[in-house]
Amino acid sequence: MANGPIVASFEPTPEFMYYGGGIFHSLDAEWITRGLEKPEWEKVDHTVLLYGWGETEHGMKYWKLRNSWGAVWGENGNFRMKRGVDESAIESLAEAADPIIVYRK
C-alpha cells in the first residue's frame, strides 16, 4: 500500500479474453466454487500490474489491475478480479520492488 504497485502473474482462462467489466471470476476455478483444497502447484503465464484493491457495497473484495492489451479491452485497459480466494492463481505469484534513483553526473 505504501510502496506502490506490484507485478502479479496468473493463468488467464478462455473467458478472460472477453472480459468487458465487473469483477472477474473464472468459471474454471473449480477448487474455489466447490470448496475443494487449493492445488499445491499453480500454472501462471500472464503478468499484469496490480495497483489497488476495493470492496463492493455487497462486500465482495477485489483487486484493481492493469492489463497490457490496450484501452479497448476490459475497463479502459484495467480489470477487477476477485480478492482473497487466489482467483486464477493471482495471489500466488507477485513481485514487488524498492526502486533506487541513481543520479549520474
N, C-alpha and C. Protein backbone atom coordinates (compact mmCIF):
# COMPACT_ATOMS: atom_id res chain seq x y z
N MET A 1 0.81 -1.18 0.00
CA MET A 1 0.00 0.00 0.00
C MET A 1 0.86 1.26 0.00
N ALA A 2 1.91 1.29 0.79
CA ALA A 2 2.73 2.48 0.89
C ALA A 2 3.83 2.54 -0.17
N ASN A 3 4.11 1.42 -0.84
CA ASN A 3 5.25 1.36 -1.75
C ASN A 3 4.88 1.28 -3.23
N GLY A 4 3.64 1.49 -3.57
CA GLY A 4 3.27 1.50 -4.98
C GLY A 4 2.82 0.16 -5.52
N PRO A 5 2.62 0.08 -6.84
CA PRO A 5 2.07 -1.14 -7.46
C PRO A 5 3.07 -2.30 -7.46
N ILE A 6 2.52 -3.50 -7.66
CA ILE A 6 3.34 -4.71 -7.78
C ILE A 6 2.99 -5.43 -9.07
N VAL A 7 3.83 -6.34 -9.47
CA VAL A 7 3.61 -7.16 -10.65
C VAL A 7 3.03 -8.49 -10.17
N ALA A 8 1.91 -8.90 -10.78
CA ALA A 8 1.26 -10.15 -10.40
C ALA A 8 1.09 -11.03 -11.64
N SER A 9 1.33 -12.32 -11.48
CA SER A 9 1.16 -13.28 -12.57
C SER A 9 -0.01 -14.19 -12.27
N PHE A 10 -0.69 -14.63 -13.33
CA PHE A 10 -1.83 -15.53 -13.15
C PHE A 10 -2.04 -16.35 -14.42
N GLU A 11 -2.98 -17.26 -14.37
CA GLU A 11 -3.31 -18.12 -15.50
C GLU A 11 -4.68 -17.69 -16.04
N PRO A 12 -4.70 -16.89 -17.12
CA PRO A 12 -5.99 -16.46 -17.64
C PRO A 12 -6.76 -17.62 -18.27
N THR A 13 -8.03 -17.67 -18.00
CA THR A 13 -8.90 -18.69 -18.59
C THR A 13 -9.45 -18.14 -19.91
N PRO A 14 -10.03 -18.99 -20.76
CA PRO A 14 -10.52 -18.51 -22.06
C PRO A 14 -11.50 -17.34 -21.96
N GLU A 15 -12.37 -17.32 -20.97
CA GLU A 15 -13.35 -16.23 -20.87
C GLU A 15 -12.71 -14.90 -20.48
N PHE A 16 -11.47 -14.93 -19.99
CA PHE A 16 -10.79 -13.70 -19.62
C PHE A 16 -10.58 -12.80 -20.84
N MET A 17 -10.36 -13.38 -22.01
CA MET A 17 -10.18 -12.59 -23.24
C MET A 17 -11.39 -11.71 -23.51
N TYR A 18 -12.57 -12.16 -23.10
CA TYR A 18 -13.82 -11.46 -23.41
C TYR A 18 -14.32 -10.60 -22.25
N TYR A 19 -13.50 -10.42 -21.24
CA TYR A 19 -13.88 -9.59 -20.10
C TYR A 19 -14.21 -8.18 -20.58
N GLY A 20 -15.33 -7.66 -20.12
CA GLY A 20 -15.74 -6.32 -20.52
C GLY A 20 -16.02 -5.40 -19.36
N GLY A 21 -16.02 -5.95 -18.14
CA GLY A 21 -16.27 -5.13 -16.97
C GLY A 21 -16.79 -5.96 -15.81
N GLY A 22 -16.82 -5.36 -14.64
CA GLY A 22 -17.24 -6.06 -13.43
C GLY A 22 -16.07 -6.73 -12.74
N ILE A 23 -16.38 -7.58 -11.79
CA ILE A 23 -15.34 -8.31 -11.05
C ILE A 23 -15.19 -9.68 -11.68
N PHE A 24 -14.01 -9.94 -12.23
CA PHE A 24 -13.77 -11.21 -12.93
C PHE A 24 -13.69 -12.36 -11.94
N HIS A 25 -14.40 -13.43 -12.28
CA HIS A 25 -14.33 -14.69 -11.54
C HIS A 25 -14.44 -15.81 -12.57
N SER A 26 -13.44 -16.63 -12.66
CA SER A 26 -13.37 -17.68 -13.66
C SER A 26 -14.35 -18.80 -13.39
N LEU A 27 -14.96 -19.28 -14.46
CA LEU A 27 -15.83 -20.45 -14.35
C LEU A 27 -15.00 -21.71 -14.15
N ASP A 28 -13.70 -21.63 -14.49
CA ASP A 28 -12.80 -22.79 -14.35
C ASP A 28 -12.22 -22.93 -12.96
N ALA A 29 -12.53 -22.03 -12.05
CA ALA A 29 -11.96 -22.07 -10.70
C ALA A 29 -12.73 -23.08 -9.84
N GLU A 30 -12.70 -24.32 -10.26
CA GLU A 30 -13.49 -25.37 -9.61
C GLU A 30 -13.14 -25.54 -8.14
N TRP A 31 -11.87 -25.44 -7.80
CA TRP A 31 -11.48 -25.65 -6.40
C TRP A 31 -12.09 -24.57 -5.51
N ILE A 32 -12.31 -23.36 -6.06
CA ILE A 32 -12.93 -22.30 -5.27
C ILE A 32 -14.43 -22.53 -5.15
N THR A 33 -15.09 -22.73 -6.30
CA THR A 33 -16.54 -22.82 -6.32
C THR A 33 -17.07 -24.07 -5.62
N ARG A 34 -16.29 -25.14 -5.61
CA ARG A 34 -16.75 -26.39 -4.97
C ARG A 34 -16.19 -26.56 -3.57
N GLY A 35 -15.42 -25.60 -3.09
CA GLY A 35 -14.88 -25.69 -1.74
C GLY A 35 -13.81 -26.75 -1.57
N LEU A 36 -13.06 -27.04 -2.65
CA LEU A 36 -12.00 -28.04 -2.59
C LEU A 36 -10.72 -27.44 -2.04
N GLU A 37 -9.77 -28.30 -1.72
CA GLU A 37 -8.47 -27.83 -1.24
C GLU A 37 -7.71 -27.17 -2.38
N LYS A 38 -7.01 -26.10 -2.06
CA LYS A 38 -6.24 -25.36 -3.06
C LYS A 38 -5.14 -26.25 -3.62
N PRO A 39 -4.94 -26.23 -4.97
CA PRO A 39 -3.86 -27.02 -5.56
C PRO A 39 -2.49 -26.57 -5.03
N GLU A 40 -1.57 -27.54 -4.90
CA GLU A 40 -0.24 -27.21 -4.40
C GLU A 40 0.56 -26.41 -5.42
N TRP A 41 0.40 -26.73 -6.70
CA TRP A 41 1.15 -26.08 -7.77
C TRP A 41 0.17 -25.39 -8.70
N GLU A 42 0.46 -24.15 -9.07
CA GLU A 42 -0.43 -23.42 -9.96
C GLU A 42 0.34 -22.86 -11.14
N LYS A 43 -0.19 -23.06 -12.32
CA LYS A 43 0.41 -22.56 -13.55
C LYS A 43 0.06 -21.08 -13.71
N VAL A 44 1.03 -20.28 -14.09
CA VAL A 44 0.79 -18.88 -14.41
C VAL A 44 1.51 -18.56 -15.72
N ASP A 45 0.87 -17.78 -16.61
CA ASP A 45 1.56 -17.41 -17.85
C ASP A 45 1.15 -16.04 -18.39
N HIS A 46 0.64 -15.19 -17.54
CA HIS A 46 0.33 -13.81 -17.94
C HIS A 46 0.63 -12.91 -16.75
N THR A 47 1.21 -11.75 -17.02
CA THR A 47 1.60 -10.85 -15.95
C THR A 47 0.93 -9.49 -16.15
N VAL A 48 0.45 -8.92 -15.05
CA VAL A 48 -0.24 -7.63 -15.06
C VAL A 48 0.25 -6.78 -13.90
N LEU A 49 -0.18 -5.53 -13.88
CA LEU A 49 0.18 -4.62 -12.81
C LEU A 49 -0.97 -4.55 -11.81
N LEU A 50 -0.70 -4.92 -10.57
CA LEU A 50 -1.70 -4.84 -9.50
C LEU A 50 -1.47 -3.52 -8.78
N TYR A 51 -2.45 -2.62 -8.87
CA TYR A 51 -2.24 -1.28 -8.34
C TYR A 51 -3.20 -0.87 -7.23
N GLY A 52 -4.14 -1.73 -6.87
CA GLY A 52 -5.05 -1.35 -5.80
C GLY A 52 -6.05 -2.43 -5.46
N TRP A 53 -6.96 -2.10 -4.59
CA TRP A 53 -7.98 -3.04 -4.18
C TRP A 53 -9.21 -2.26 -3.76
N GLY A 54 -10.30 -2.99 -3.61
CA GLY A 54 -11.55 -2.36 -3.19
C GLY A 54 -12.54 -3.40 -2.72
N GLU A 55 -13.74 -2.92 -2.43
CA GLU A 55 -14.82 -3.79 -1.97
C GLU A 55 -16.13 -3.18 -2.45
N THR A 56 -17.02 -4.02 -2.97
CA THR A 56 -18.31 -3.53 -3.44
C THR A 56 -19.21 -3.23 -2.25
N GLU A 57 -20.34 -2.59 -2.54
CA GLU A 57 -21.32 -2.31 -1.48
C GLU A 57 -21.92 -3.58 -0.91
N HIS A 58 -21.75 -4.71 -1.61
CA HIS A 58 -22.25 -6.00 -1.13
C HIS A 58 -21.18 -6.83 -0.43
N GLY A 59 -19.99 -6.25 -0.26
CA GLY A 59 -18.93 -6.92 0.48
C GLY A 59 -18.01 -7.79 -0.34
N MET A 60 -18.14 -7.79 -1.68
CA MET A 60 -17.22 -8.58 -2.49
C MET A 60 -15.90 -7.82 -2.63
N LYS A 61 -14.81 -8.48 -2.25
CA LYS A 61 -13.48 -7.87 -2.31
C LYS A 61 -12.86 -8.15 -3.67
N TYR A 62 -12.10 -7.16 -4.18
CA TYR A 62 -11.49 -7.31 -5.49
C TYR A 62 -10.15 -6.58 -5.56
N TRP A 63 -9.33 -7.05 -6.51
CA TRP A 63 -8.07 -6.39 -6.85
C TRP A 63 -8.32 -5.47 -8.03
N LYS A 64 -7.58 -4.36 -8.13
CA LYS A 64 -7.58 -3.49 -9.30
C LYS A 64 -6.28 -3.76 -10.05
N LEU A 65 -6.41 -4.08 -11.35
CA LEU A 65 -5.26 -4.48 -12.13
C LEU A 65 -5.26 -3.80 -13.50
N ARG A 66 -4.07 -3.66 -14.07
CA ARG A 66 -3.88 -3.07 -15.39
C ARG A 66 -3.33 -4.14 -16.31
N ASN A 67 -4.01 -4.35 -17.43
CA ASN A 67 -3.57 -5.34 -18.41
C ASN A 67 -2.76 -4.64 -19.51
N SER A 68 -2.11 -5.43 -20.35
CA SER A 68 -1.28 -4.88 -21.42
C SER A 68 -1.96 -4.97 -22.78
N TRP A 69 -3.26 -5.23 -22.82
CA TRP A 69 -3.95 -5.46 -24.08
C TRP A 69 -4.61 -4.21 -24.66
N GLY A 70 -4.33 -3.05 -24.12
CA GLY A 70 -4.83 -1.81 -24.67
C GLY A 70 -6.13 -1.33 -24.04
N ALA A 71 -6.45 -0.07 -24.31
CA ALA A 71 -7.60 0.59 -23.68
C ALA A 71 -8.95 0.08 -24.16
N VAL A 72 -9.01 -0.60 -25.30
CA VAL A 72 -10.30 -1.10 -25.79
C VAL A 72 -10.74 -2.37 -25.06
N TRP A 73 -9.83 -3.00 -24.33
CA TRP A 73 -10.14 -4.22 -23.59
C TRP A 73 -10.56 -3.88 -22.17
N GLY A 74 -11.50 -4.63 -21.61
CA GLY A 74 -11.88 -4.51 -20.20
C GLY A 74 -12.45 -3.16 -19.84
N GLU A 75 -12.04 -2.64 -18.72
CA GLU A 75 -12.47 -1.33 -18.24
C GLU A 75 -11.38 -0.31 -18.55
N ASN A 76 -11.30 0.08 -19.83
CA ASN A 76 -10.28 1.01 -20.31
C ASN A 76 -8.86 0.46 -20.08
N GLY A 77 -8.69 -0.84 -20.35
CA GLY A 77 -7.39 -1.49 -20.17
C GLY A 77 -7.15 -2.04 -18.77
N ASN A 78 -8.08 -1.79 -17.87
CA ASN A 78 -7.99 -2.27 -16.49
C ASN A 78 -9.01 -3.37 -16.26
N PHE A 79 -8.86 -4.06 -15.15
CA PHE A 79 -9.87 -5.04 -14.76
C PHE A 79 -9.85 -5.21 -13.25
N ARG A 80 -10.92 -5.79 -12.76
CA ARG A 80 -11.02 -6.12 -11.34
C ARG A 80 -11.17 -7.63 -11.23
N MET A 81 -10.49 -8.20 -10.25
CA MET A 81 -10.52 -9.65 -10.05
C MET A 81 -10.81 -9.94 -8.59
N LYS A 82 -11.58 -10.98 -8.36
CA LYS A 82 -11.96 -11.38 -7.01
C LYS A 82 -10.72 -11.50 -6.12
N ARG A 83 -10.80 -10.92 -4.93
CA ARG A 83 -9.67 -10.88 -4.00
C ARG A 83 -9.91 -11.81 -2.82
N GLY A 84 -8.83 -12.44 -2.36
CA GLY A 84 -8.89 -13.26 -1.15
C GLY A 84 -9.14 -14.73 -1.39
N VAL A 85 -9.29 -15.14 -2.67
CA VAL A 85 -9.55 -16.55 -2.98
C VAL A 85 -8.54 -17.11 -3.98
N ASP A 86 -7.49 -16.36 -4.30
CA ASP A 86 -6.47 -16.76 -5.26
C ASP A 86 -7.08 -17.08 -6.62
N GLU A 87 -8.00 -16.24 -7.06
CA GLU A 87 -8.63 -16.38 -8.37
C GLU A 87 -7.59 -16.48 -9.47
N SER A 88 -7.66 -17.52 -10.27
CA SER A 88 -6.74 -17.76 -11.39
C SER A 88 -5.28 -17.70 -10.97
N ALA A 89 -4.99 -17.99 -9.72
CA ALA A 89 -3.65 -18.00 -9.11
C ALA A 89 -3.05 -16.61 -9.01
N ILE A 90 -3.88 -15.54 -9.00
CA ILE A 90 -3.39 -14.17 -8.96
C ILE A 90 -2.66 -13.84 -7.66
N GLU A 91 -2.97 -14.55 -6.59
CA GLU A 91 -2.34 -14.27 -5.29
C GLU A 91 -1.17 -15.20 -4.99
N SER A 92 -0.81 -16.02 -5.96
CA SER A 92 0.26 -16.99 -5.74
C SER A 92 1.64 -16.47 -6.10
N LEU A 93 1.70 -15.58 -7.09
CA LEU A 93 3.00 -15.13 -7.56
C LEU A 93 2.95 -13.65 -7.86
N ALA A 94 3.50 -12.86 -6.96
CA ALA A 94 3.56 -11.41 -7.13
C ALA A 94 4.95 -10.94 -6.74
N GLU A 95 5.40 -9.89 -7.38
CA GLU A 95 6.73 -9.35 -7.12
C GLU A 95 6.65 -7.87 -6.86
N ALA A 96 7.35 -7.42 -5.85
CA ALA A 96 7.44 -6.00 -5.52
C ALA A 96 8.89 -5.58 -5.63
N ALA A 97 9.10 -4.29 -5.77
CA ALA A 97 10.47 -3.78 -5.86
C ALA A 97 10.56 -2.46 -5.11
N ASP A 98 11.71 -2.18 -4.59
CA ASP A 98 12.01 -0.89 -3.99
C ASP A 98 12.99 -0.18 -4.92
N PRO A 99 12.47 0.66 -5.83
CA PRO A 99 13.37 1.31 -6.77
C PRO A 99 14.31 2.29 -6.09
N ILE A 100 15.50 2.37 -6.64
CA ILE A 100 16.51 3.30 -6.14
C ILE A 100 16.85 4.24 -7.29
N ILE A 101 16.77 5.52 -7.05
CA ILE A 101 17.11 6.51 -8.06
C ILE A 101 18.61 6.77 -7.99
N VAL A 102 19.27 6.58 -9.11
CA VAL A 102 20.70 6.80 -9.20
C VAL A 102 20.93 8.04 -10.04
N TYR A 103 21.55 9.02 -9.46
CA TYR A 103 21.86 10.26 -10.17
C TYR A 103 23.26 10.17 -10.73
N ARG A 104 23.38 10.44 -12.01
CA ARG A 104 24.70 10.41 -12.66
C ARG A 104 25.07 11.81 -13.08
N LYS A 105 26.34 12.14 -12.91
CA LYS A 105 26.83 13.46 -13.31
C LYS A 105 27.64 13.36 -14.56
